[in-house]
Amino acid sequence: MTASTTRRATVAKSRIAAVGALAVAGTMLLTACGDQTESAKKDSGSSTAPLFGELPKAIQDKGVIKVGSDIAYPPVEFKDKSGKTVGIDPDLADALGKQLGVKFEFENGTFDTLLTGLRSKRYDIAMSAMTDTKDRQNGVDGDTGKKVGEGVDFVDYFTAGVSIYTKKGDDKGIATWSDLCGKKMVVQRGTVSHDLAKSESEKCTKAGKGKITLEAFDNDLEAQTRLRGGGADAGSSDFPVAAYAVKTSGGGNDFQLVGEQVEAAPYGIAVAKNNPLTKALQSALEAIIKSGEYDKVIAKWGVEDGAVKEAKLNGGS
C-alpha cells in the first residue's frame, strides 16, 4: 500500500502455515520426549534450503517468520472465499520461504499498527504493500516530523504509484488531483493516498477552490464500499489495488480509473534496524528474481509494470 509518509503505510494479515506447523509439532510431541522436543524445534526449518544458513539462529530454530500484514488489500494480500490468505505478497513469501527453508506466517492487523507490532517484536517483518520512505526508515512521523521510533530497514520488492478511481460512468469531471477540489474522497487511513489527499486539500483551500472532504477507513475495501454506495465522488489507492477493484468489483461494472498514477515508489519488506534477517531476505529475493520465480508471481497477478530487476535495500526517498 502506498502509505503515509508518502505511500501506503500500514496493516496486517492472517496465517498461512500455522496449521501445518502445529500438525508437525503435534506428531513430534507424541513420538518424542525430553530433549527431543528442543531438537524438534531446531529441525522445524529446512537446513537443506539454499539460504537457510543466512538466517538468524532464532529464526532457524523457530522455522517460521511471522509477518505483520493488512489482509484486506487485494490483489496484494486478501482472503479468498475459503478464508485462505492469498495475493502477491503471500505468493512471493512462499517463494522466499523455499529459498530460506522456513515458513512465512501472515498475521492480520491494521496497516497503521504494523510498524508498532514490528517494534514490539510481535512480528519479525511487515509485508503489506508498505511503501519504503525515508521517514519510515528513520522512524519519523510524516505528519508531525517528530521521531516516533528507531525506524526500519526495507528490502524493496515492487514499485507502485497511486491512482484515482470513480464510479463507472460518473467521473464527476475528475481527471487529476487538482480536480478533486470541493469534492468528497474516500481513502484508507495512513496511506500515501491519504497523505496526498490532505496535501491537495490544502492547495485547494489556498487557491480558494474549496477543500477536499476526506473520509478515511481502516481498510481499502471499506472505502470502496462507501464509494460504490454513492457516499463519495472518488477514491484513491495504490495502482495495483485500484486496477484490481476496477476489474473485479461488480464484475467490472462498479468503478473506473481516472487520470494517471502518480508518486511511484517501492514497496518494501520492513525489518527492524540492524537485523541480520534483512540480508537473508535480500539474498532470497535476489535468488527468486534470478530463477524466474519472481516473474511468475508478478505475471500471475497481472502487475508486470511494477516488477523490479534487483533487490535493493532502503531505495525509497
C-alpha atoms as a PDB file:
ATOM      1  CA  MET A   1       0.000   0.000   0.000  1.00  0.00           C
ATOM      2  CA  THR A   2       1.356   3.262  -0.797  1.00  0.00           C
ATOM      3  CA  ALA A   3       1.330   4.508   2.694  1.00  0.00           C
ATOM      4  CA  SER A   4       1.538   7.513   4.866  1.00  0.00           C
ATOM      5  CA  THR A   5       4.907   9.196   4.993  1.00  0.00           C
ATOM      6  CA  THR A   6       4.469   9.227   1.279  1.00  0.00           C
ATOM      7  CA  ARG A   7       2.798   5.948   0.451  1.00  0.00           C
ATOM      8  CA  ARG A   8       0.680   3.318   1.914  1.00  0.00           C
ATOM      9  CA  ALA A   9       1.920   2.981   5.425  1.00  0.00           C
ATOM     10  CA  THR A  10       0.369   0.072   7.358  1.00  0.00           C
ATOM     11  CA  VAL A  11      -1.703  -3.042   8.189  1.00  0.00           C
ATOM     12  CA  ALA A  12      -1.628  -6.866   8.683  1.00  0.00           C
ATOM     13  CA  LYS A  13      -2.852 -10.318   7.559  1.00  0.00           C
ATOM     14  CA  SER A  14      -3.546 -13.981   8.521  1.00  0.00           C
ATOM     15  CA  ARG A  15      -1.686 -17.230   8.967  1.00  0.00           C
ATOM     16  CA  ILE A  16      -0.724 -19.412   6.017  1.00  0.00           C
ATOM     17  CA  ALA A  17       1.449 -22.126   7.549  1.00  0.00           C
ATOM     18  CA  ALA A  18       0.208 -22.339  11.136  1.00  0.00           C
ATOM     19  CA  VAL A  19      -1.889 -25.496  10.688  1.00  0.00           C
ATOM     20  CA  GLY A  20       0.919 -27.449   9.054  1.00  0.00           C
ATOM     21  CA  ALA A  21       3.451 -26.346  11.676  1.00  0.00           C
ATOM     22  CA  LEU A  22       1.133 -27.337  14.521  1.00  0.00           C
ATOM     23  CA  ALA A  23       0.491 -30.724  12.929  1.00  0.00           C
ATOM     24  CA  VAL A  24       4.223 -31.424  12.696  1.00  0.00           C
ATOM     25  CA  ALA A  25       4.796 -30.246  16.253  1.00  0.00           C
ATOM     26  CA  GLY A  26       1.940 -32.452  17.493  1.00  0.00           C
ATOM     27  CA  THR A  27       3.389 -35.531  15.826  1.00  0.00           C
ATOM     28  CA  MET A  28       6.784 -34.889  17.368  1.00  0.00           C
ATOM     29  CA  LEU A  29       5.308 -34.500  20.826  1.00  0.00           C
ATOM     30  CA  LEU A  30       3.594 -37.870  20.502  1.00  0.00           C
ATOM     31  CA  THR A  31       6.759 -39.673  19.419  1.00  0.00           C
ATOM     32  CA  ALA A  32       9.450 -37.905  21.416  1.00  0.00           C
ATOM     33  CA  CYS A  33      10.217 -36.716  24.904  1.00  0.00           C
ATOM     34  CA  GLY A  34      12.812 -34.868  26.956  1.00  0.00           C
ATOM     35  CA  ASP A  35      15.450 -33.002  24.993  1.00  0.00           C
ATOM     36  CA  GLN A  36      13.983 -34.361  21.727  1.00  0.00           C
ATOM     37  CA  THR A  37      11.367 -31.594  21.982  1.00  0.00           C
ATOM     38  CA  GLU A  38      14.103 -28.997  21.663  1.00  0.00           C
ATOM     39  CA  SER A  39      15.548 -30.895  18.707  1.00  0.00           C
ATOM     40  CA  ALA A  40      12.154 -30.828  17.028  1.00  0.00           C
ATOM     41  CA  LYS A  41      12.063 -27.061  17.332  1.00  0.00           C
ATOM     42  CA  LYS A  42      15.503 -26.729  15.798  1.00  0.00           C
ATOM     43  CA  ASP A  43      14.584 -29.048  12.936  1.00  0.00           C
ATOM     44  CA  SER A  44      11.380 -27.147  12.077  1.00  0.00           C
ATOM     45  CA  GLY A  45      13.238 -25.253   9.348  1.00  0.00           C
ATOM     46  CA  SER A  46      14.893 -26.902   6.358  1.00  0.00           C
ATOM     47  CA  SER A  47      18.681 -26.806   6.733  1.00  0.00           C
ATOM     48  CA  THR A  48      18.980 -28.099   3.166  1.00  0.00           C
ATOM     49  CA  ALA A  49      17.437 -24.936   1.686  1.00  0.00           C
ATOM     50  CA  PRO A  50      19.983 -22.835  -0.265  1.00  0.00           C
ATOM     51  CA  LEU A  51      19.935 -19.824   2.057  1.00  0.00           C
ATOM     52  CA  PHE A  52      18.986 -21.375   5.404  1.00  0.00           C
ATOM     53  CA  GLY A  53      22.457 -20.614   6.768  1.00  0.00           C
ATOM     54  CA  GLU A  54      21.962 -16.852   6.287  1.00  0.00           C
ATOM     55  CA  LEU A  55      19.037 -16.726   8.732  1.00  0.00           C
ATOM     56  CA  PRO A  56      19.481 -15.613  12.352  1.00  0.00           C
ATOM     57  CA  LYS A  57      19.632 -18.626  14.659  1.00  0.00           C
ATOM     58  CA  ALA A  58      16.381 -17.660  16.389  1.00  0.00           C
ATOM     59  CA  ILE A  59      14.543 -17.882  13.060  1.00  0.00           C
ATOM     60  CA  GLN A  60      16.287 -21.158  12.178  1.00  0.00           C
ATOM     61  CA  ASP A  61      15.133 -22.635  15.489  1.00  0.00           C
ATOM     62  CA  LYS A  62      11.528 -21.498  15.048  1.00  0.00           C
ATOM     63  CA  GLY A  63      11.324 -22.424  11.393  1.00  0.00           C
ATOM     64  CA  VAL A  64       8.862 -19.560  10.972  1.00  0.00           C
ATOM     65  CA  ILE A  65       8.968 -15.880  10.020  1.00  0.00           C
ATOM     66  CA  LYS A  66       5.992 -14.014  11.484  1.00  0.00           C
ATOM     67  CA  VAL A  67       4.603 -11.474   9.020  1.00  0.00           C
ATOM     68  CA  GLY A  68       2.509  -8.474  10.033  1.00  0.00           C
ATOM     69  CA  SER A  69       0.149  -7.591   7.180  1.00  0.00           C
ATOM     70  CA  ASP A  70      -3.132  -5.859   6.339  1.00  0.00           C
ATOM     71  CA  ILE A  71      -5.004  -8.705   4.711  1.00  0.00           C
ATOM     72  CA  ALA A  72      -7.705  -6.631   3.070  1.00  0.00           C
ATOM     73  CA  TYR A  73      -5.810  -5.145   0.134  1.00  0.00           C
ATOM     74  CA  PRO A  74      -6.456  -7.224  -2.977  1.00  0.00           C
ATOM     75  CA  PRO A  75      -4.583  -8.226  -5.047  1.00  0.00           C
ATOM     76  CA  VAL A  76      -1.568  -7.641  -2.788  1.00  0.00           C
ATOM     77  CA  GLU A  77      -2.961  -9.632   0.126  1.00  0.00           C
ATOM     78  CA  PHE A  78      -6.515 -10.716   0.900  1.00  0.00           C
ATOM     79  CA  LYS A  79      -8.595 -13.722   1.877  1.00  0.00           C
ATOM     80  CA  ASP A  80     -10.239 -15.837  -0.779  1.00  0.00           C
ATOM     81  CA  LYS A  81     -13.706 -17.374  -0.460  1.00  0.00           C
ATOM     82  CA  SER A  82     -12.320 -20.235   1.600  1.00  0.00           C
ATOM     83  CA  GLY A  83     -10.652 -17.851   4.059  1.00  0.00           C
ATOM     84  CA  LYS A  84      -7.112 -18.551   2.861  1.00  0.00           C
ATOM     85  CA  THR A  85      -4.692 -15.627   2.668  1.00  0.00           C
ATOM     86  CA  VAL A  86      -3.719 -15.117  -0.964  1.00  0.00           C
ATOM     87  CA  GLY A  87      -2.209 -12.451  -3.196  1.00  0.00           C
ATOM     88  CA  ILE A  88       1.069 -11.053  -4.460  1.00  0.00           C
ATOM     89  CA  ASP A  89       2.747 -10.833  -1.052  1.00  0.00           C
ATOM     90  CA  PRO A  90       1.799 -14.343   0.162  1.00  0.00           C
ATOM     91  CA  ASP A  91       2.934 -15.863  -3.154  1.00  0.00           C
ATOM     92  CA  LEU A  92       6.258 -14.025  -3.004  1.00  0.00           C
ATOM     93  CA  ALA A  93       6.636 -15.039   0.643  1.00  0.00           C
ATOM     94  CA  ASP A  94       6.150 -18.691  -0.327  1.00  0.00           C
ATOM     95  CA  ALA A  95       8.892 -18.367  -2.930  1.00  0.00           C
ATOM     96  CA  LEU A  96      11.216 -16.671  -0.439  1.00  0.00           C
ATOM     97  CA  GLY A  97      10.458 -19.369   2.109  1.00  0.00           C
ATOM     98  CA  LYS A  98      11.647 -22.093  -0.267  1.00  0.00           C
ATOM     99  CA  GLN A  99      14.998 -20.350  -0.574  1.00  0.00           C
ATOM    100  CA  LEU A 100      15.322 -19.801   3.166  1.00  0.00           C
ATOM    101  CA  GLY A 101      13.855 -23.106   4.343  1.00  0.00           C
ATOM    102  CA  VAL A 102      11.240 -21.559   6.657  1.00  0.00           C
ATOM    103  CA  LYS A 103       7.527 -20.758   6.579  1.00  0.00           C
ATOM    104  CA  PHE A 104       6.154 -17.219   6.348  1.00  0.00           C
ATOM    105  CA  GLU A 105       3.184 -16.955   8.710  1.00  0.00           C
ATOM    106  CA  PHE A 106       0.866 -13.998   7.960  1.00  0.00           C
ATOM    107  CA  GLU A 107      -0.918 -12.308  10.856  1.00  0.00           C
ATOM    108  CA  ASN A 108      -3.709  -9.815  10.187  1.00  0.00           C
ATOM    109  CA  GLY A 109      -3.576  -6.275  11.535  1.00  0.00           C
ATOM    110  CA  THR A 110      -4.486  -2.733  10.585  1.00  0.00           C
ATOM    111  CA  PHE A 111      -1.957  -1.010   8.390  1.00  0.00           C
ATOM    112  CA  ASP A 112      -1.179   1.856  10.750  1.00  0.00           C
ATOM    113  CA  THR A 113      -0.199  -0.561  13.556  1.00  0.00           C
ATOM    114  CA  LEU A 114       2.209  -2.801  11.635  1.00  0.00           C
ATOM    115  CA  LEU A 115       5.418  -0.951  12.422  1.00  0.00           C
ATOM    116  CA  THR A 116       4.407  -0.735  16.080  1.00  0.00           C
ATOM    117  CA  GLY A 117       3.951  -4.505  16.035  1.00  0.00           C
ATOM    118  CA  LEU A 118       7.378  -4.857  14.463  1.00  0.00           C
ATOM    119  CA  ARG A 119       8.964  -2.705  17.200  1.00  0.00           C
ATOM    120  CA  SER A 120       7.257  -4.753  19.924  1.00  0.00           C
ATOM    121  CA  LYS A 121       8.532  -7.962  18.251  1.00  0.00           C
ATOM    122  CA  ARG A 122       5.035  -9.253  17.643  1.00  0.00           C
ATOM    123  CA  TYR A 123       6.168  -9.679  14.036  1.00  0.00           C
ATOM    124  CA  ASP A 124       9.556 -10.497  12.539  1.00  0.00           C
ATOM    125  CA  ILE A 125       8.755  -8.484   9.418  1.00  0.00           C
ATOM    126  CA  ALA A 126       5.970  -6.345   7.970  1.00  0.00           C
ATOM    127  CA  MET A 127       4.973  -7.182   4.398  1.00  0.00           C
ATOM    128  CA  SER A 128       1.857  -5.349   3.334  1.00  0.00           C
ATOM    129  CA  ALA A 129       2.302  -3.205   0.237  1.00  0.00           C
ATOM    130  CA  MET A 130       4.220  -0.854   2.507  1.00  0.00           C
ATOM    131  CA  THR A 131       5.963   1.970   0.732  1.00  0.00           C
ATOM    132  CA  ASP A 132       9.646   2.381   1.509  1.00  0.00           C
ATOM    133  CA  THR A 133      10.151   6.015   2.587  1.00  0.00           C
ATOM    134  CA  LYS A 134      12.935   7.914   4.347  1.00  0.00           C
ATOM    135  CA  ASP A 135      10.532   8.826   7.131  1.00  0.00           C
ATOM    136  CA  ARG A 136       9.812   5.170   7.841  1.00  0.00           C
ATOM    137  CA  GLN A 137      13.474   4.286   7.577  1.00  0.00           C
ATOM    138  CA  ASN A 138      14.259   6.972  10.160  1.00  0.00           C
ATOM    139  CA  GLY A 139      11.238   6.405  12.422  1.00  0.00           C
ATOM    140  CA  VAL A 140       9.721   9.828  11.722  1.00  0.00           C
ATOM    141  CA  ASP A 141       6.004  10.659  11.712  1.00  0.00           C
ATOM    142  CA  GLY A 142       5.271  12.078   8.266  1.00  0.00           C
ATOM    143  CA  ASP A 143       2.567  14.437   9.554  1.00  0.00           C
ATOM    144  CA  THR A 144       4.392  15.932  12.536  1.00  0.00           C
ATOM    145  CA  GLY A 145       8.034  15.429  11.554  1.00  0.00           C
ATOM    146  CA  LYS A 146       8.668  14.051  15.040  1.00  0.00           C
ATOM    147  CA  LYS A 147      10.722  10.976  15.871  1.00  0.00           C
ATOM    148  CA  VAL A 148       8.393   8.120  16.859  1.00  0.00           C
ATOM    149  CA  GLY A 149      10.699   5.101  16.768  1.00  0.00           C
ATOM    150  CA  GLU A 150      14.060   3.732  15.739  1.00  0.00           C
ATOM    151  CA  GLY A 151      12.954   3.227  12.155  1.00  0.00           C
ATOM    152  CA  VAL A 152      13.207   0.154   9.951  1.00  0.00           C
ATOM    153  CA  ASP A 153      15.166  -1.206   7.011  1.00  0.00           C
ATOM    154  CA  PHE A 154      13.416  -2.156   3.780  1.00  0.00           C
ATOM    155  CA  VAL A 155      14.053  -4.869   1.224  1.00  0.00           C
ATOM    156  CA  ASP A 156      12.349  -3.408  -1.868  1.00  0.00           C
ATOM    157  CA  TYR A 157      10.393  -5.879  -3.989  1.00  0.00           C
ATOM    158  CA  PHE A 158       7.862  -3.974  -6.137  1.00  0.00           C
ATOM    159  CA  THR A 159       7.084  -0.493  -7.482  1.00  0.00           C
ATOM    160  CA  ALA A 160       3.649   1.139  -7.451  1.00  0.00           C
ATOM    161  CA  GLY A 161       2.078   4.535  -7.946  1.00  0.00           C
ATOM    162  CA  VAL A 162      -1.195   5.974  -6.631  1.00  0.00           C
ATOM    163  CA  SER A 163      -4.383   6.097  -8.700  1.00  0.00           C
ATOM    164  CA  ILE A 164      -7.772   7.790  -8.500  1.00  0.00           C
ATOM    165  CA  TYR A 165     -10.956   5.886  -9.321  1.00  0.00           C
ATOM    166  CA  THR A 166     -14.628   6.866  -9.508  1.00  0.00           C
ATOM    167  CA  LYS A 167     -17.945   5.149 -10.051  1.00  0.00           C
ATOM    168  CA  LYS A 168     -18.127   3.802 -13.575  1.00  0.00           C
ATOM    169  CA  GLY A 169     -19.625   6.296 -16.000  1.00  0.00           C
ATOM    170  CA  ASP A 170     -19.669   9.068 -13.396  1.00  0.00           C
ATOM    171  CA  ASP A 171     -16.222  10.633 -13.082  1.00  0.00           C
ATOM    172  CA  LYS A 172     -17.566  13.983 -11.809  1.00  0.00           C
ATOM    173  CA  GLY A 173     -15.126  15.747 -14.135  1.00  0.00           C
ATOM    174  CA  ILE A 174     -12.159  14.328 -12.216  1.00  0.00           C
ATOM    175  CA  ALA A 175      -9.034  13.612 -14.260  1.00  0.00           C
ATOM    176  CA  THR A 176      -6.231  14.886 -11.981  1.00  0.00           C
ATOM    177  CA  TRP A 177      -5.711  15.508  -8.276  1.00  0.00           C
ATOM    178  CA  SER A 178      -6.415  19.211  -8.721  1.00  0.00           C
ATOM    179  CA  ASP A 179      -9.906  18.300  -9.976  1.00  0.00           C
ATOM    180  CA  LEU A 180     -10.754  16.976  -6.509  1.00  0.00           C
ATOM    181  CA  CYS A 181     -11.145  20.472  -5.025  1.00  0.00           C
ATOM    182  CA  GLY A 182     -14.604  20.767  -3.488  1.00  0.00           C
ATOM    183  CA  LYS A 183     -15.230  17.028  -3.891  1.00  0.00           C
ATOM    184  CA  LYS A 184     -15.614  14.222  -1.362  1.00  0.00           C
ATOM    185  CA  MET A 185     -12.987  11.456  -1.359  1.00  0.00           C
ATOM    186  CA  VAL A 186     -12.547   8.104   0.384  1.00  0.00           C
ATOM    187  CA  VAL A 187      -9.150   6.569   1.238  1.00  0.00           C
ATOM    188  CA  GLN A 188      -7.530   4.091   3.584  1.00  0.00           C
ATOM    189  CA  ARG A 189      -6.199   5.711   6.730  1.00  0.00           C
ATOM    190  CA  GLY A 190      -2.427   6.190   6.964  1.00  0.00           C
ATOM    191  CA  THR A 191      -1.708   5.573   3.305  1.00  0.00           C
ATOM    192  CA  VAL A 192       0.049   7.629   0.674  1.00  0.00           C
ATOM    193  CA  SER A 193      -3.342   8.270  -0.879  1.00  0.00           C
ATOM    194  CA  HIS A 194      -4.428   9.749   2.443  1.00  0.00           C
ATOM    195  CA  ASP A 195      -1.327  11.947   2.595  1.00  0.00           C
ATOM    196  CA  LEU A 196      -1.713  13.120  -0.981  1.00  0.00           C
ATOM    197  CA  ALA A 197      -5.372  13.958  -0.451  1.00  0.00           C
ATOM    198  CA  LYS A 198      -4.593  16.029   2.659  1.00  0.00           C
ATOM    199  CA  SER A 199      -1.822  17.862   0.833  1.00  0.00           C
ATOM    200  CA  GLU A 200      -4.019  18.513  -2.205  1.00  0.00           C
ATOM    201  CA  SER A 201      -6.830  19.751   0.043  1.00  0.00           C
ATOM    202  CA  GLU A 202      -4.506  22.391   1.494  1.00  0.00           C
ATOM    203  CA  LYS A 203      -3.648  23.547  -2.023  1.00  0.00           C
ATOM    204  CA  CYS A 204      -7.339  23.726  -2.899  1.00  0.00           C
ATOM    205  CA  THR A 205      -8.084  25.839   0.156  1.00  0.00           C
ATOM    206  CA  LYS A 206      -5.236  28.247  -0.572  1.00  0.00           C
ATOM    207  CA  ALA A 207      -6.474  28.597  -4.155  1.00  0.00           C
ATOM    208  CA  GLY A 208      -9.980  29.352  -2.918  1.00  0.00           C
ATOM    209  CA  LYS A 209     -11.433  26.312  -4.694  1.00  0.00           C
ATOM    210  CA  GLY A 210     -12.823  24.545  -1.653  1.00  0.00           C
ATOM    211  CA  LYS A 211     -11.171  21.818   0.396  1.00  0.00           C
ATOM    212  CA  ILE A 212     -11.425  18.112  -0.312  1.00  0.00           C
ATOM    213  CA  THR A 213     -13.811  16.443   2.135  1.00  0.00           C
ATOM    214  CA  LEU A 214     -11.947  13.333   3.268  1.00  0.00           C
ATOM    215  CA  GLU A 215     -13.293  10.165   4.813  1.00  0.00           C
ATOM    216  CA  ALA A 216     -10.627   7.670   5.901  1.00  0.00           C
ATOM    217  CA  PHE A 217     -11.234   3.992   6.681  1.00  0.00           C
ATOM    218  CA  ASP A 218      -9.298   1.194   8.363  1.00  0.00           C
ATOM    219  CA  ASN A 219      -9.030  -0.682   5.081  1.00  0.00           C
ATOM    220  CA  ASP A 220      -9.450  -0.062   1.389  1.00  0.00           C
ATOM    221  CA  LEU A 221     -12.434  -2.376   0.979  1.00  0.00           C
ATOM    222  CA  GLU A 222     -14.472  -0.201   3.335  1.00  0.00           C
ATOM    223  CA  ALA A 223     -13.576   2.862   1.278  1.00  0.00           C
ATOM    224  CA  GLN A 224     -14.672   1.086  -1.887  1.00  0.00           C
ATOM    225  CA  THR A 225     -17.989   0.179  -0.299  1.00  0.00           C
ATOM    226  CA  ARG A 226     -18.683   3.822   0.563  1.00  0.00           C
ATOM    227  CA  LEU A 227     -17.880   4.980  -2.968  1.00  0.00           C
ATOM    228  CA  ARG A 228     -19.924   2.174  -4.501  1.00  0.00           C
ATOM    229  CA  GLY A 229     -22.911   3.271  -2.423  1.00  0.00           C
ATOM    230  CA  GLY A 230     -22.653   6.877  -3.632  1.00  0.00           C
ATOM    231  CA  GLY A 231     -21.149   8.255  -0.432  1.00  0.00           C
ATOM    232  CA  ALA A 232     -18.224   9.958  -2.200  1.00  0.00           C
ATOM    233  CA  ASP A 233     -17.112  11.316  -5.555  1.00  0.00           C
ATOM    234  CA  ALA A 234     -13.817   9.432  -5.823  1.00  0.00           C
ATOM    235  CA  GLY A 235     -11.435   7.055  -4.106  1.00  0.00           C
ATOM    236  CA  SER A 236      -7.695   6.565  -4.252  1.00  0.00           C
ATOM    237  CA  SER A 237      -5.316   3.700  -3.566  1.00  0.00           C
ATOM    238  CA  ASP A 238      -2.172   2.117  -4.924  1.00  0.00           C
ATOM    239  CA  PHE A 239      -2.419   1.385  -8.633  1.00  0.00           C
ATOM    240  CA  PRO A 240      -2.465  -2.449  -8.370  1.00  0.00           C
ATOM    241  CA  VAL A 241      -5.288  -2.262  -5.831  1.00  0.00           C
ATOM    242  CA  ALA A 242      -7.305   0.333  -7.733  1.00  0.00           C
ATOM    243  CA  ALA A 243      -6.875  -1.585 -11.003  1.00  0.00           C
ATOM    244  CA  TYR A 244      -7.952  -4.839  -9.329  1.00  0.00           C
ATOM    245  CA  ALA A 245     -11.056  -3.177  -7.881  1.00  0.00           C
ATOM    246  CA  VAL A 246     -11.952  -1.735 -11.286  1.00  0.00           C
ATOM    247  CA  LYS A 247     -11.547  -5.164 -12.886  1.00  0.00           C
ATOM    248  CA  THR A 248     -13.388  -7.258 -10.297  1.00  0.00           C
ATOM    249  CA  SER A 249     -15.917  -5.182  -8.329  1.00  0.00           C
ATOM    250  CA  GLY A 250     -19.400  -5.778  -9.628  1.00  0.00           C
ATOM    251  CA  GLY A 251     -17.997  -7.824 -12.450  1.00  0.00           C
ATOM    252  CA  GLY A 252     -16.117  -4.762 -13.673  1.00  0.00           C
ATOM    253  CA  ASN A 253     -19.188  -2.520 -13.609  1.00  0.00           C
ATOM    254  CA  ASP A 254     -18.651  -0.555 -10.387  1.00  0.00           C
ATOM    255  CA  PHE A 255     -15.544   1.586 -10.892  1.00  0.00           C
ATOM    256  CA  GLN A 256     -13.237   3.180 -13.453  1.00  0.00           C
ATOM    257  CA  LEU A 257      -9.712   4.574 -13.245  1.00  0.00           C
ATOM    258  CA  VAL A 258      -9.282   8.264 -13.997  1.00  0.00           C
ATOM    259  CA  GLY A 259      -6.050  10.072 -14.854  1.00  0.00           C
ATOM    260  CA  GLU A 260      -2.539   8.707 -14.495  1.00  0.00           C
ATOM    261  CA  GLN A 261      -0.905   7.096 -11.479  1.00  0.00           C
ATOM    262  CA  VAL A 262       1.411   9.376  -9.511  1.00  0.00           C
ATOM    263  CA  GLU A 263       4.071   9.121  -6.791  1.00  0.00           C
ATOM    264  CA  ALA A 264       5.580   5.847  -7.993  1.00  0.00           C
ATOM    265  CA  ALA A 265       7.692   4.367  -5.199  1.00  0.00           C
ATOM    266  CA  PRO A 266       8.956   0.985  -3.981  1.00  0.00           C
ATOM    267  CA  TYR A 267       7.116  -1.433  -1.738  1.00  0.00           C
ATOM    268  CA  GLY A 268       9.463  -2.831   0.868  1.00  0.00           C
ATOM    269  CA  ILE A 269       9.578  -5.681   3.367  1.00  0.00           C
ATOM    270  CA  ALA A 270      10.137  -3.886   6.683  1.00  0.00           C
ATOM    271  CA  VAL A 271      12.637  -5.328   9.177  1.00  0.00           C
ATOM    272  CA  ALA A 272      13.948  -3.920  12.455  1.00  0.00           C
ATOM    273  CA  LYS A 273      17.157  -1.899  12.115  1.00  0.00           C
ATOM    274  CA  ASN A 274      20.424  -3.863  12.045  1.00  0.00           C
ATOM    275  CA  ASN A 275      18.657  -7.226  11.981  1.00  0.00           C
ATOM    276  CA  PRO A 276      20.607  -9.900  10.061  1.00  0.00           C
ATOM    277  CA  LEU A 277      17.267 -11.139   8.730  1.00  0.00           C
ATOM    278  CA  THR A 278      17.358  -8.178   6.324  1.00  0.00           C
ATOM    279  CA  LYS A 279      20.363  -9.529   4.439  1.00  0.00           C
ATOM    280  CA  ALA A 280      18.857 -13.025   4.311  1.00  0.00           C
ATOM    281  CA  LEU A 281      15.652 -11.650   2.789  1.00  0.00           C
ATOM    282  CA  GLN A 282      17.608  -9.610   0.260  1.00  0.00           C
ATOM    283  CA  SER A 283      19.566 -12.704  -0.783  1.00  0.00           C
ATOM    284  CA  ALA A 284      16.358 -14.727  -1.100  1.00  0.00           C
ATOM    285  CA  LEU A 285      14.698 -12.036  -3.211  1.00  0.00           C
ATOM    286  CA  GLU A 286      17.719 -11.842  -5.484  1.00  0.00           C
ATOM    287  CA  ALA A 287      17.583 -15.628  -5.851  1.00  0.00           C
ATOM    288  CA  ILE A 288      13.929 -15.766  -6.927  1.00  0.00           C
ATOM    289  CA  ILE A 289      14.439 -12.842  -9.328  1.00  0.00           C
ATOM    290  CA  LYS A 290      17.324 -14.707 -10.988  1.00  0.00           C
ATOM    291  CA  SER A 291      15.449 -18.030 -11.059  1.00  0.00           C
ATOM    292  CA  GLY A 292      12.337 -16.532 -12.663  1.00  0.00           C
ATOM    293  CA  GLU A 293      10.030 -17.436  -9.751  1.00  0.00           C
ATOM    294  CA  TYR A 294       9.537 -13.741  -9.014  1.00  0.00           C
ATOM    295  CA  ASP A 295       8.371 -13.004 -12.552  1.00  0.00           C
ATOM    296  CA  LYS A 296       5.923 -15.933 -12.412  1.00  0.00           C
ATOM    297  CA  VAL A 297       4.226 -14.483  -9.334  1.00  0.00           C
ATOM    298  CA  ILE A 298       4.083 -10.980 -10.782  1.00  0.00           C
ATOM    299  CA  ALA A 299       2.629 -12.275 -14.055  1.00  0.00           C
ATOM    300  CA  LYS A 300       0.066 -14.406 -12.223  1.00  0.00           C
ATOM    301  CA  TRP A 301      -1.463 -11.255 -10.733  1.00  0.00           C
ATOM    302  CA  GLY A 302      -1.100  -9.151 -13.879  1.00  0.00           C
ATOM    303  CA  VAL A 303       1.127  -6.491 -12.329  1.00  0.00           C
ATOM    304  CA  GLU A 304       4.226  -6.788 -14.525  1.00  0.00           C
ATOM    305  CA  ASP A 305       4.559  -2.999 -14.769  1.00  0.00           C
ATOM    306  CA  GLY A 306       5.628  -2.899 -11.113  1.00  0.00           C
ATOM    307  CA  ALA A 307       8.278  -5.630 -11.285  1.00  0.00           C
ATOM    308  CA  VAL A 308      11.784  -4.921 -10.001  1.00  0.00           C
ATOM    309  CA  LYS A 309      15.011  -6.235 -11.511  1.00  0.00           C
ATOM    310  CA  GLU A 310      17.091  -6.318  -8.332  1.00  0.00           C
ATOM    311  CA  ALA A 311      16.593  -6.470  -4.582  1.00  0.00           C
ATOM    312  CA  LYS A 312      17.531  -3.050  -3.241  1.00  0.00           C
ATOM    313  CA  LEU A 313      17.862  -2.011   0.389  1.00  0.00           C
ATOM    314  CA  ASN A 314      16.224   1.246   1.509  1.00  0.00           C
ATOM    315  CA  GLY A 315      15.675   2.541  -2.017  1.00  0.00           C
ATOM    316  CA  GLY A 316      12.779   4.812  -1.044  1.00  0.00           C
ATOM    317  CA  SER A 317      13.011   8.580  -0.870  1.00  0.00           C
END
